[in-house]
PDB file of N, CA and C in Angstrom:
ATOM      1  N   MET A   1      50.645 -64.424  83.877  1.00  0.00           N
ATOM      2  CA  MET A   1      50.344 -65.614  83.154  1.00  0.00           C
ATOM      3  C   MET A   1      49.938 -66.606  83.590  1.00  0.00           C
ATOM      4  N   SER A   2      48.589 -67.374  82.950  1.00  0.00           N
ATOM      5  CA  SER A   2      48.826 -68.853  82.717  1.00  0.00           C
ATOM      6  C   SER A   2      49.462 -69.602  82.388  1.00  0.00           C
ATOM      7  N   ASN A   3      49.133 -71.136  83.016  1.00  0.00           N
ATOM      8  CA  ASN A   3      50.079 -71.998  82.696  1.00  0.00           C
ATOM      9  C   ASN A   3      50.489 -72.097  80.891  1.00  0.00           C
ATOM     10  N   ALA A   4      49.278 -72.303  81.009  1.00  0.00           N
ATOM     11  CA  ALA A   4      48.696 -72.674  79.295  1.00  0.00           C
ATOM     12  C   ALA A   4      49.466 -71.730  77.909  1.00  0.00           C
ATOM     13  N   VAL A   5      49.480 -70.141  78.528  1.00  0.00           N
ATOM     14  CA  VAL A   5      50.127 -69.510  77.989  1.00  0.00           C
ATOM     15  C   VAL A   5      51.560 -69.941  78.178  1.00  0.00           C
ATOM     16  N   LEU A   6      51.634 -69.172  78.431  1.00  0.00           N
ATOM     17  CA  LEU A   6      53.380 -70.219  79.036  1.00  0.00           C
ATOM     18  C   LEU A   6      53.561 -71.240  78.597  1.00  0.00           C
ATOM     19  N   ASP A   7      53.333 -72.362  78.422  1.00  0.00           N
ATOM     20  CA  ASP A   7      53.203 -73.329  77.525  1.00  0.00           C
ATOM     21  C   ASP A   7      52.979 -73.330  76.263  1.00  0.00           C
ATOM     22  N   ASP A   8      51.578 -72.607  75.105  1.00  0.00           N
ATOM     23  CA  ASP A   8      52.316 -72.133  74.045  1.00  0.00           C
ATOM     24  C   ASP A   8      53.690 -71.009  73.998  1.00  0.00           C
ATOM     25  N   LEU A   9      54.174 -70.509  74.838  1.00  0.00           N
ATOM     26  CA  LEU A   9      55.080 -69.088  74.664  1.00  0.00           C
ATOM     27  C   LEU A   9      56.016 -70.225  74.341  1.00  0.00           C
ATOM     28  N   GLU A  10      56.529 -71.007  75.112  1.00  0.00           N
ATOM     29  CA  GLU A  10      57.460 -72.310  75.225  1.00  0.00           C
ATOM     30  C   GLU A  10      57.787 -72.628  73.539  1.00  0.00           C
ATOM     31  N   ASP A  11      57.343 -73.369  73.247  1.00  0.00           N
ATOM     32  CA  ASP A  11      56.743 -74.216  72.272  1.00  0.00           C
ATOM     33  C   ASP A  11      56.486 -72.922  70.671  1.00  0.00           C
ATOM     34  N   ALA A  12      56.454 -71.994  70.832  1.00  0.00           N
ATOM     35  CA  ALA A  12      56.875 -71.294  69.561  1.00  0.00           C
ATOM     36  C   ALA A  12      58.119 -70.687  69.525  1.00  0.00           C
ATOM     37  N   VAL A  13      58.774 -70.313  70.642  1.00  0.00           N
ATOM     38  CA  VAL A  13      60.551 -70.543  70.730  1.00  0.00           C
ATOM     39  C   VAL A  13      61.273 -72.096  70.364  1.00  0.00           C
ATOM     40  N   LEU A  14      62.076 -71.200  69.622  1.00  0.00           N
ATOM     41  CA  LEU A  14      62.483 -73.152  68.735  1.00  0.00           C
ATOM     42  C   LEU A  14      64.117 -73.368  70.041  1.00  0.00           C
ATOM     43  N   PRO A  15      63.941 -74.323  70.759  1.00  0.00           N
ATOM     44  CA  PRO A  15      65.100 -74.267  72.031  1.00  0.00           C
ATOM     45  C   PRO A  15      66.466 -74.040  70.912  1.00  0.00           C
ATOM     46  N   LEU A  16      67.563 -73.645  72.287  1.00  0.00           N
ATOM     47  CA  LEU A  16      68.714 -72.995  71.997  1.00  0.00           C
ATOM     48  C   LEU A  16      69.496 -74.091  70.769  1.00  0.00           C
ATOM     49  N   ASP A  17      69.616 -75.443  71.681  1.00  0.00           N
ATOM     50  CA  ASP A  17      70.818 -76.219  70.652  1.00  0.00           C
ATOM     51  C   ASP A  17      70.700 -76.519  69.327  1.00  0.00           C
ATOM     52  N   ASP A  18      68.257 -76.531  69.057  1.00  0.00           N
ATOM     53  CA  ASP A  18      67.738 -77.127  67.908  1.00  0.00           C
ATOM     54  C   ASP A  18      67.997 -75.023  67.338  1.00  0.00           C
ATOM     55  N   ALA A  19      68.220 -74.636  67.905  1.00  0.00           N
ATOM     56  CA  ALA A  19      68.886 -73.446  66.967  1.00  0.00           C
ATOM     57  C   ALA A  19      69.903 -73.502  66.255  1.00  0.00           C
ATOM     58  N   ARG A  20      71.247 -73.708  67.025  1.00  0.00           N
ATOM     59  CA  ARG A  20      72.352 -73.351  66.542  1.00  0.00           C
ATOM     60  C   ARG A  20      72.742 -74.731  66.111  1.00  0.00           C
ATOM     61  N   ALA A  21      71.172 -75.905  65.507  1.00  0.00           N
ATOM     62  CA  ALA A  21      72.356 -76.580  64.258  1.00  0.00           C
ATOM     63  C   ALA A  21      71.287 -76.133  63.555  1.00  0.00           C
ATOM     64  N   ILE A  22      70.567 -75.098  63.526  1.00  0.00           N
ATOM     65  CA  ILE A  22      69.723 -74.591  62.730  1.00  0.00           C
ATOM     66  C   ILE A  22      70.715 -73.811  61.559  1.00  0.00           C
ATOM     67  N   ALA A  23      72.003 -72.671  62.382  1.00  0.00           N
ATOM     68  CA  ALA A  23      72.474 -72.657  62.020  1.00  0.00           C
ATOM     69  C   ALA A  23      73.769 -72.400  61.817  1.00  0.00           C
ATOM     70  N   ARG A  24      73.494 -73.531  62.440  1.00  0.00           N
ATOM     71  CA  ARG A  24      74.950 -73.823  61.687  1.00  0.00           C
ATOM     72  C   ARG A  24      75.084 -74.877  59.945  1.00  0.00           C
ATOM     73  N   PHE A  25      73.818 -75.302  59.881  1.00  0.00           N
ATOM     74  CA  PHE A  25      73.690 -75.672  59.232  1.00  0.00           C
ATOM     75  C   PHE A  25      73.351 -75.399  58.254  1.00  0.00           C
ATOM     76  N   PHE A  26      73.099 -73.490  57.747  1.00  0.00           N
ATOM     77  CA  PHE A  26      72.910 -71.979  57.275  1.00  0.00           C
ATOM     78  C   PHE A  26      74.140 -71.704  56.410  1.00  0.00           C
ATOM     79  N   GLN A  27      74.628 -71.587  57.844  1.00  0.00           N
ATOM     80  CA  GLN A  27      76.441 -71.504  57.687  1.00  0.00           C
ATOM     81  C   GLN A  27      77.190 -71.907  56.149  1.00  0.00           C
ATOM     82  N   VAL A  28      77.240 -73.460  56.000  1.00  0.00           N
ATOM     83  CA  VAL A  28      76.924 -73.913  55.053  1.00  0.00           C
ATOM     84  C   VAL A  28      76.354 -72.682  53.664  1.00  0.00           C
ATOM     85  N   LEU A  29      76.080 -71.924  53.828  1.00  0.00           N
ATOM     86  CA  LEU A  29      75.067 -71.245  52.783  1.00  0.00           C
ATOM     87  C   LEU A  29      75.460 -69.901  52.955  1.00  0.00           C
ATOM     88  N   ALA A  30      76.657 -69.635  53.589  1.00  0.00           N
ATOM     89  CA  ALA A  30      76.660 -68.387  54.477  1.00  0.00           C
ATOM     90  C   ALA A  30      77.978 -68.113  53.422  1.00  0.00           C
ATOM     91  N   ASP A  31      78.595 -69.256  53.337  1.00  0.00           N
ATOM     92  CA  ASP A  31      80.299 -68.935  52.177  1.00  0.00           C
ATOM     93  C   ASP A  31      79.769 -69.115  50.415  1.00  0.00           C
ATOM     94  N   PRO A  32      80.280 -68.088  49.672  1.00  0.00           N
ATOM     95  CA  PRO A  32      80.328 -68.256  47.863  1.00  0.00           C
ATOM     96  C   PRO A  32      80.780 -69.596  47.027  1.00  0.00           C
ATOM     97  N   THR A  33      81.802 -69.447  48.320  1.00  0.00           N
ATOM     98  CA  THR A  33      81.751 -71.344  47.116  1.00  0.00           C
ATOM     99  C   THR A  33      81.629 -72.151  47.633  1.00  0.00           C
ATOM    100  N   ARG A  34      81.560 -72.563  49.374  1.00  0.00           N
ATOM    101  CA  ARG A  34      80.093 -73.678  49.295  1.00  0.00           C
ATOM    102  C   ARG A  34      79.338 -74.200  48.291  1.00  0.00           C
ATOM    103  N   VAL A  35      78.561 -72.269  48.171  1.00  0.00           N
ATOM    104  CA  VAL A  35      77.428 -71.959  47.604  1.00  0.00           C
ATOM    105  C   VAL A  35      77.328 -72.726  45.848  1.00  0.00           C
ATOM    106  N   ARG A  36      78.528 -72.414  45.728  1.00  0.00           N
ATOM    107  CA  ARG A  36      78.845 -72.815  43.841  1.00  0.00           C
ATOM    108  C   ARG A  36      79.272 -74.556  43.901  1.00  0.00           C
ATOM    109  N   MET A  37      79.648 -75.171  44.906  1.00  0.00           N
ATOM    110  CA  MET A  37      79.953 -76.752  45.050  1.00  0.00           C
ATOM    111  C   MET A  37      78.498 -77.498  45.294  1.00  0.00           C
ATOM    112  N   VAL A  38      78.127 -76.941  46.512  1.00  0.00           N
ATOM    113  CA  VAL A  38      76.455 -77.552  46.196  1.00  0.00           C
ATOM    114  C   VAL A  38      75.705 -77.869  45.555  1.00  0.00           C
ATOM    115  N   LYS A  39      76.041 -76.386  44.978  1.00  0.00           N
ATOM    116  CA  LYS A  39      74.698 -76.227  42.958  1.00  0.00           C
ATOM    117  C   LYS A  39      75.655 -77.578  42.624  1.00  0.00           C
ATOM    118  N   ALA A  40      76.593 -77.142  42.160  1.00  0.00           N
ATOM    119  CA  ALA A  40      77.802 -78.652  41.676  1.00  0.00           C
ATOM    120  C   ALA A  40      77.181 -79.230  41.630  1.00  0.00           C
ATOM    121  N   LEU A  41      77.514 -79.692  43.463  1.00  0.00           N
ATOM    122  CA  LEU A  41      77.173 -81.450  43.076  1.00  0.00           C
ATOM    123  C   LEU A  41      75.437 -81.420  43.830  1.00  0.00           C
ATOM    124  N   ALA A  42      74.451 -80.863  43.825  1.00  0.00           N
ATOM    125  CA  ALA A  42      73.195 -80.814  43.616  1.00  0.00           C
ATOM    126  C   ALA A  42      72.713 -81.189  42.060  1.00  0.00           C
ATOM    127  N   ASP A  43      73.920 -80.864  41.159  1.00  0.00           N
ATOM    128  CA  ASP A  43      73.382 -81.377  39.777  1.00  0.00           C
ATOM    129  C   ASP A  43      73.374 -83.090  38.990  1.00  0.00           C
ATOM    130  N   THR A  44      75.080 -83.103  40.110  1.00  0.00           N
ATOM    131  CA  THR A  44      75.596 -84.664  40.139  1.00  0.00           C
ATOM    132  C   THR A  44      76.732 -85.299  40.883  1.00  0.00           C
ATOM    133  N   GLU A  45      77.243 -86.004  40.083  1.00  0.00           N
ATOM    134  CA  GLU A  45      78.673 -86.122  41.452  1.00  0.00           C
ATOM    135  C   GLU A  45      79.940 -85.569  40.234  1.00  0.00           C
ATOM    136  N   TRP A  46      80.927 -84.611  41.658  1.00  0.00           N
ATOM    137  CA  TRP A  46      82.290 -84.624  40.423  1.00  0.00           C
ATOM    138  C   TRP A  46      83.521 -84.962  41.714  1.00  0.00           C
ATOM    139  N   CYS A  47      84.682 -85.751  40.299  1.00  0.00           N
ATOM    140  CA  CYS A  47      85.937 -85.430  40.760  1.00  0.00           C
ATOM    141  C   CYS A  47      85.778 -84.181  41.476  1.00  0.00           C
ATOM    142  N   VAL A  48      87.001 -84.404  42.782  1.00  0.00           N
ATOM    143  CA  VAL A  48      87.967 -83.378  42.665  1.00  0.00           C
ATOM    144  C   VAL A  48      88.576 -82.810  41.969  1.00  0.00           C
ATOM    145  N   SER A  49      89.723 -83.427  41.214  1.00  0.00           N
ATOM    146  CA  SER A  49      89.872 -82.291  40.188  1.00  0.00           C
ATOM    147  C   SER A  49      88.946 -81.648  39.102  1.00  0.00           C
ATOM    148  N   ASP A  50      88.423 -82.165  39.051  1.00  0.00           N
ATOM    149  CA  ASP A  50      86.836 -81.266  38.074  1.00  0.00           C
ATOM    150  C   ASP A  50      86.282 -80.687  38.249  1.00  0.00           C
ATOM    151  N   LEU A  51      86.108 -80.520  39.757  1.00  0.00           N
ATOM    152  CA  LEU A  51      85.569 -79.457  40.549  1.00  0.00           C
ATOM    153  C   LEU A  51      86.303 -78.469  41.037  1.00  0.00           C
ATOM    154  N   THR A  52      87.463 -78.492  40.745  1.00  0.00           N
ATOM    155  CA  THR A  52      88.717 -77.513  41.197  1.00  0.00           C
ATOM    156  C   THR A  52      88.797 -76.986  39.807  1.00  0.00           C
ATOM    157  N   GLN A  53      88.806 -77.673  39.115  1.00  0.00           N
ATOM    158  CA  GLN A  53      88.820 -76.761  37.717  1.00  0.00           C
ATOM    159  C   GLN A  53      87.864 -76.000  36.899  1.00  0.00           C
ATOM    160  N   ALA A  54      86.750 -76.723  37.614  1.00  0.00           N
ATOM    161  CA  ALA A  54      85.181 -75.807  37.187  1.00  0.00           C
ATOM    162  C   ALA A  54      85.266 -74.410  38.307  1.00  0.00           C
ATOM    163  N   LEU A  55      85.872 -74.105  38.824  1.00  0.00           N
ATOM    164  CA  LEU A  55      85.378 -73.586  40.284  1.00  0.00           C
ATOM    165  C   LEU A  55      86.494 -72.739  40.195  1.00  0.00           C
ATOM    166  N   GLY A  56      87.463 -73.028  39.598  1.00  0.00           N
ATOM    167  CA  GLY A  56      88.717 -71.699  39.532  1.00  0.00           C
ATOM    168  C   GLY A  56      89.641 -72.109  40.515  1.00  0.00           C
ATOM    169  N   MET A  57      89.434 -73.570  41.266  1.00  0.00           N
ATOM    170  CA  MET A  57      90.156 -72.856  42.616  1.00  0.00           C
ATOM    171  C   MET A  57      91.529 -74.314  42.317  1.00  0.00           C
ATOM    172  N   ASP A  58      91.949 -73.967  43.805  1.00  0.00           N
ATOM    173  CA  ASP A  58      93.182 -74.446  43.753  1.00  0.00           C
ATOM    174  C   ASP A  58      92.386 -75.639  44.827  1.00  0.00           C
ATOM    175  N   GLN A  59      93.446 -77.435  44.285  1.00  0.00           N
ATOM    176  CA  GLN A  59      92.567 -78.052  44.616  1.00  0.00           C
ATOM    177  C   GLN A  59      92.676 -78.762  46.492  1.00  0.00           C
ATOM    178  N   PRO A  60      94.041 -77.677  47.598  1.00  0.00           N
ATOM    179  CA  PRO A  60      93.381 -77.207  48.711  1.00  0.00           C
ATOM    180  C   PRO A  60      92.476 -76.980  49.239  1.00  0.00           C
ATOM    181  N   ALA A  61      92.210 -76.084  48.892  1.00  0.00           N
ATOM    182  CA  ALA A  61      90.841 -75.035  48.791  1.00  0.00           C
ATOM    183  C   ALA A  61      89.838 -75.676  48.693  1.00  0.00           C
ATOM    184  N   VAL A  62      89.845 -76.161  47.516  1.00  0.00           N
ATOM    185  CA  VAL A  62      88.839 -76.846  47.362  1.00  0.00           C
ATOM    186  C   VAL A  62      88.384 -77.783  48.027  1.00  0.00           C
ATOM    187  N   SER A  63      89.549 -78.884  48.520  1.00  0.00           N
ATOM    188  CA  SER A  63      89.579 -80.001  49.554  1.00  0.00           C
ATOM    189  C   SER A  63      88.883 -79.895  51.229  1.00  0.00           C
ATOM    190  N   HIS A  64      89.274 -78.053  51.048  1.00  0.00           N
ATOM    191  CA  HIS A  64      88.933 -78.123  52.017  1.00  0.00           C
ATOM    192  C   HIS A  64      87.665 -77.411  52.235  1.00  0.00           C
ATOM    193  N   GLN A  65      87.372 -76.996  51.520  1.00  0.00           N
ATOM    194  CA  GLN A  65      85.443 -76.594  52.109  1.00  0.00           C
ATOM    195  C   GLN A  65      84.894 -78.305  51.381  1.00  0.00           C
ATOM    196  N   LEU A  66      85.037 -79.584  50.582  1.00  0.00           N
ATOM    197  CA  LEU A  66      84.708 -80.742  51.111  1.00  0.00           C
ATOM    198  C   LEU A  66      84.047 -81.500  52.407  1.00  0.00           C
ATOM    199  N   LYS A  67      85.723 -80.936  52.748  1.00  0.00           N
ATOM    200  CA  LYS A  67      86.073 -81.333  53.796  1.00  0.00           C
ATOM    201  C   LYS A  67      85.435 -80.950  54.876  1.00  0.00           C
ATOM    202  N   TYR A  68      84.628 -79.576  54.858  1.00  0.00           N
ATOM    203  CA  TYR A  68      83.582 -79.331  56.158  1.00  0.00           C
ATOM    204  C   TYR A  68      82.417 -79.286  55.669  1.00  0.00           C
ATOM    205  N   LEU A  69      82.236 -79.527  54.735  1.00  0.00           N
ATOM    206  CA  LEU A  69      80.666 -80.374  53.693  1.00  0.00           C
ATOM    207  C   LEU A  69      80.975 -81.398  54.025  1.00  0.00           C
ATOM    208  N   ARG A  70      81.379 -81.986  54.536  1.00  0.00           N
ATOM    209  CA  ARG A  70      81.603 -84.038  54.587  1.00  0.00           C
ATOM    210  C   ARG A  70      81.741 -83.952  56.446  1.00  0.00           C
ATOM    211  N   GLU A  71      82.390 -83.032  57.029  1.00  0.00           N
ATOM    212  CA  GLU A  71      82.421 -83.570  58.512  1.00  0.00           C
ATOM    213  C   GLU A  71      80.872 -82.487  58.742  1.00  0.00           C
ATOM    214  N   MET A  72      79.895 -81.800  57.519  1.00  0.00           N
ATOM    215  CA  MET A  72      78.620 -81.661  58.202  1.00  0.00           C
ATOM    216  C   MET A  72      77.760 -82.776  57.871  1.00  0.00           C
ATOM    217  N   GLY A  73      78.103 -83.544  57.344  1.00  0.00           N
ATOM    218  CA  GLY A  73      77.298 -85.130  56.669  1.00  0.00           C
ATOM    219  C   GLY A  73      76.058 -84.020  56.225  1.00  0.00           C
ATOM    220  N   LEU A  74      77.025 -83.691  54.814  1.00  0.00           N
ATOM    221  CA  LEU A  74      76.277 -83.253  53.812  1.00  0.00           C
ATOM    222  C   LEU A  74      76.173 -83.613  52.211  1.00  0.00           C
ATOM    223  N   VAL A  75      78.116 -83.936  52.001  1.00  0.00           N
ATOM    224  CA  VAL A  75      78.285 -84.819  51.263  1.00  0.00           C
ATOM    225  C   VAL A  75      77.977 -86.434  51.541  1.00  0.00           C
ATOM    226  N   ASP A  76      78.276 -86.798  50.661  1.00  0.00           N
ATOM    227  CA  ASP A  76      78.736 -88.021  50.323  1.00  0.00           C
ATOM    228  C   ASP A  76      80.409 -88.106  48.898  1.00  0.00           C
ATOM    229  N   TRP A  77      80.921 -89.430  49.125  1.00  0.00           N
ATOM    230  CA  TRP A  77      82.468 -90.066  48.981  1.00  0.00           C
ATOM    231  C   TRP A  77      82.044 -91.077  48.612  1.00  0.00           C
ATOM    232  N   ARG A  78      83.368 -91.173  47.701  1.00  0.00           N
ATOM    233  CA  ARG A  78      84.020 -92.452  47.207  1.00  0.00           C
ATOM    234  C   ARG A  78      84.778 -92.297  46.170  1.00  0.00           C
ATOM    235  N   LYS A  79      85.870 -93.806  46.692  1.00  0.00           N
ATOM    236  CA  LYS A  79      86.976 -93.505  46.173  1.00  0.00           C
ATOM    237  C   LYS A  79      87.293 -94.511  45.131  1.00  0.00           C
ATOM    238  N   ARG A  80      87.625 -93.733  43.779  1.00  0.00           N
ATOM    239  CA  ARG A  80      87.830 -94.561  42.383  1.00  0.00           C
ATOM    240  C   ARG A  80      89.248 -94.891  42.392  1.00  0.00           C
ATOM    241  N   GLY A  81      90.329 -95.553  42.237  1.00  0.00           N
ATOM    242  CA  GLY A  81      91.506 -95.211  42.720  1.00  0.00           C
ATOM    243  C   GLY A  81      92.254 -94.475  43.337  1.00  0.00           C
ATOM    244  N   ARG A  82      92.229 -93.154  42.173  1.00  0.00           N
ATOM    245  CA  ARG A  82      93.024 -92.258  42.703  1.00  0.00           C
ATOM    246  C   ARG A  82      92.586 -91.031  42.618  1.00  0.00           C
ATOM    247  N   HIS A  83      91.388 -91.189  42.412  1.00  0.00           N
ATOM    248  CA  HIS A  83      90.457 -90.121  42.345  1.00  0.00           C
ATOM    249  C   HIS A  83      89.349 -90.029  43.721  1.00  0.00           C
ATOM    250  N   VAL A  84      88.762 -89.000  43.901  1.00  0.00           N
ATOM    251  CA  VAL A  84      87.957 -89.073  44.921  1.00  0.00           C
ATOM    252  C   VAL A  84      86.608 -88.357  44.599  1.00  0.00           C
ATOM    253  N   TYR A  85      85.415 -88.989  44.247  1.00  0.00           N
ATOM    254  CA  TYR A  85      83.896 -88.402  43.600  1.00  0.00           C
ATOM    255  C   TYR A  85      83.279 -88.421  44.836  1.00  0.00           C
ATOM    256  N   TYR A  86      82.673 -87.093  44.813  1.00  0.00           N
ATOM    257  CA  TYR A  86      81.308 -86.384  45.587  1.00  0.00           C
ATOM    258  C   TYR A  86      79.648 -85.936  45.797  1.00  0.00           C
ATOM    259  N   SER A  87      79.277 -86.443  45.846  1.00  0.00           N
ATOM    260  CA  SER A  87      77.709 -86.048  45.104  1.00  0.00           C
ATOM    261  C   SER A  87      76.639 -85.460  47.043  1.00  0.00           C
ATOM    262  N   LEU A  88      75.524 -84.839  46.820  1.00  0.00           N
ATOM    263  CA  LEU A  88      74.693 -84.553  47.452  1.00  0.00           C
ATOM    264  C   LEU A  88      74.475 -85.515  48.331  1.00  0.00           C
ATOM    265  N   ALA A  89      74.626 -84.739  49.592  1.00  0.00           N
ATOM    266  CA  ALA A  89      73.659 -86.872  50.744  1.00  0.00           C
ATOM    267  C   ALA A  89      73.000 -86.248  50.936  1.00  0.00           C
ATOM    268  N   ASP A  90      71.983 -85.257  51.191  1.00  0.00           N
ATOM    269  CA  ASP A  90      70.702 -83.896  51.993  1.00  0.00           C
ATOM    270  C   ASP A  90      69.961 -83.059  51.356  1.00  0.00           C
ATOM    271  N   SER A  91      69.116 -84.480  50.384  1.00  0.00           N
ATOM    272  CA  SER A  91      68.262 -83.337  50.455  1.00  0.00           C
ATOM    273  C   SER A  91      67.825 -81.810  50.766  1.00  0.00           C
ATOM    274  N   HIS A  92      67.339 -81.367  51.679  1.00  0.00           N
ATOM    275  CA  HIS A  92      67.347 -80.456  51.668  1.00  0.00           C
ATOM    276  C   HIS A  92      67.563 -79.408  51.737  1.00  0.00           C
ATOM    277  N   LEU A  93      69.504 -79.956  51.949  1.00  0.00           N
ATOM    278  CA  LEU A  93      70.531 -78.725  51.284  1.00  0.00           C
ATOM    279  C   LEU A  93      69.871 -78.599  49.895  1.00  0.00           C
ATOM    280  N   HIS A  94      69.686 -79.503  49.184  1.00  0.00           N
ATOM    281  CA  HIS A  94      69.772 -79.305  47.156  1.00  0.00           C
ATOM    282  C   HIS A  94      68.094 -79.006  47.205  1.00  0.00           C
ATOM    283  N   ASP A  95      67.140 -78.548  48.027  1.00  0.00           N
ATOM    284  CA  ASP A  95      65.876 -78.024  47.625  1.00  0.00           C
ATOM    285  C   ASP A  95      66.210 -76.608  48.750  1.00  0.00           C
ATOM    286  N   ILE A  96      66.761 -76.548  49.186  1.00  0.00           N
ATOM    287  CA  ILE A  96      66.558 -74.983  49.831  1.00  0.00           C
ATOM    288  C   ILE A  96      67.467 -74.102  49.418  1.00  0.00           C
ATOM    289  N   LEU A  97      69.143 -74.641  48.580  1.00  0.00           N
ATOM    290  CA  LEU A  97      69.568 -74.060  47.111  1.00  0.00           C
ATOM    291  C   LEU A  97      68.576 -73.423  46.208  1.00  0.00           C
ATOM    292  N   LEU A  98      68.202 -75.051  45.756  1.00  0.00           N
ATOM    293  CA  LEU A  98      66.846 -74.168  45.095  1.00  0.00           C
ATOM    294  C   LEU A  98      66.077 -72.909  45.221  1.00  0.00           C
ATOM    295  N   SER A  99      65.550 -73.848  46.041  1.00  0.00           N
ATOM    296  CA  SER A  99      64.953 -72.758  46.393  1.00  0.00           C
ATOM    297  C   SER A  99      64.703 -70.756  47.005  1.00  0.00           C
ATOM    298  N   SER A 100      66.536 -71.428  47.193  1.00  0.00           N
ATOM    299  CA  SER A 100      66.784 -70.281  47.916  1.00  0.00           C
ATOM    300  C   SER A 100      67.193 -68.713  46.008  1.00  0.00           C
ATOM    301  N   ILE A 101      67.614 -70.163  45.219  1.00  0.00           N
ATOM    302  CA  ILE A 101      67.874 -69.671  43.599  1.00  0.00           C
ATOM    303  C   ILE A 101      66.822 -68.890  43.275  1.00  0.00           C
ATOM    304  N   ASP A 102      65.251 -69.252  42.966  1.00  0.00           N
ATOM    305  CA  ASP A 102      64.489 -69.240  42.863  1.00  0.00           C
ATOM    306  C   ASP A 102      63.541 -68.051  43.673  1.00  0.00           C
ATOM    307  N   HIS A 103      63.695 -67.848  45.047  1.00  0.00           N
ATOM    308  CA  HIS A 103      63.551 -66.355  45.079  1.00  0.00           C
ATOM    309  C   HIS A 103      64.617 -65.288  44.710  1.00  0.00           C
ATOM    310  N   LEU A 104      65.930 -65.479  44.828  1.00  0.00           N
ATOM    311  CA  LEU A 104      66.766 -64.819  43.891  1.00  0.00           C
ATOM    312  C   LEU A 104      65.763 -63.813  42.344  1.00  0.00           C
ATOM    313  N   GLU A 105      65.513 -64.990  41.354  1.00  0.00           N
ATOM    314  CA  GLU A 105      65.022 -65.228  40.704  1.00  0.00           C
ATOM    315  C   GLU A 105      63.894 -64.482  40.253  1.00  0.00           C
ATOM    316  N   CYS A 106      62.713 -64.591  41.286  1.00  0.00           N
ATOM    317  CA  CYS A 106      61.495 -63.645  40.521  1.00  0.00           C
ATOM    318  C   CYS A 106      62.253 -62.192  41.583  1.00  0.00           C
ATOM    319  N   GLU A 107      63.029 -62.304  42.739  1.00  0.00           N
ATOM    320  CA  GLU A 107      63.203 -60.543  43.767  1.00  0.00           C
ATOM    321  C   GLU A 107      63.906 -59.820  41.630  1.00  0.00           C
ATOM    322  N   THR A 108      65.287 -61.028  41.217  1.00  0.00           N
ATOM    323  CA  THR A 108      65.680 -59.753  40.597  1.00  0.00           C
ATOM    324  C   THR A 108      64.285 -59.566  39.505  1.00  0.00           C
ATOM    325  N   ALA A 109      64.021 -60.516  38.803  1.00  0.00           N
ATOM    326  CA  ALA A 109      62.664 -60.381  37.950  1.00  0.00           C
ATOM    327  C   ALA A 109      61.485 -59.119  38.220  1.00  0.00           C
ATOM    328  N   ALA A 110      61.448 -59.047  39.510  1.00  0.00           N
ATOM    329  CA  ALA A 110      60.816 -57.938  40.041  1.00  0.00           C
ATOM    330  C   ALA A 110      60.875 -56.543  39.998  1.00  0.00           C
ATOM    331  N   VAL A 111      62.588 -56.230  40.201  1.00  0.00           N
ATOM    332  CA  VAL A 111      62.552 -55.049  39.741  1.00  0.00           C
ATOM    333  C   VAL A 111      63.131 -54.249  38.543  1.00  0.00           C
TER     334      VAL A 111
END
């Protein structure tokens, strides 16, 4: 195989570190609770107590998932008094989620 062909093949394959970073990004959407949180946060800012109530979960479980999203850099947060408010920080995640929802609706309609 010529060097030019090998170079083209290497360009077509994503570097392993990049593939790992992308897989980690998609892990966010691999958990139904996080998907529900991301959808809620895509629409508006939520305080932890309201998000807890809306999801029907206990506060430590919600806080744990929010911490995961925060560590990934996908949510912004601010403290106001004793309440912490979260919003989606990554517009790409918002777009991917909405695109996934649209895809699901198209698949459901086709059946």
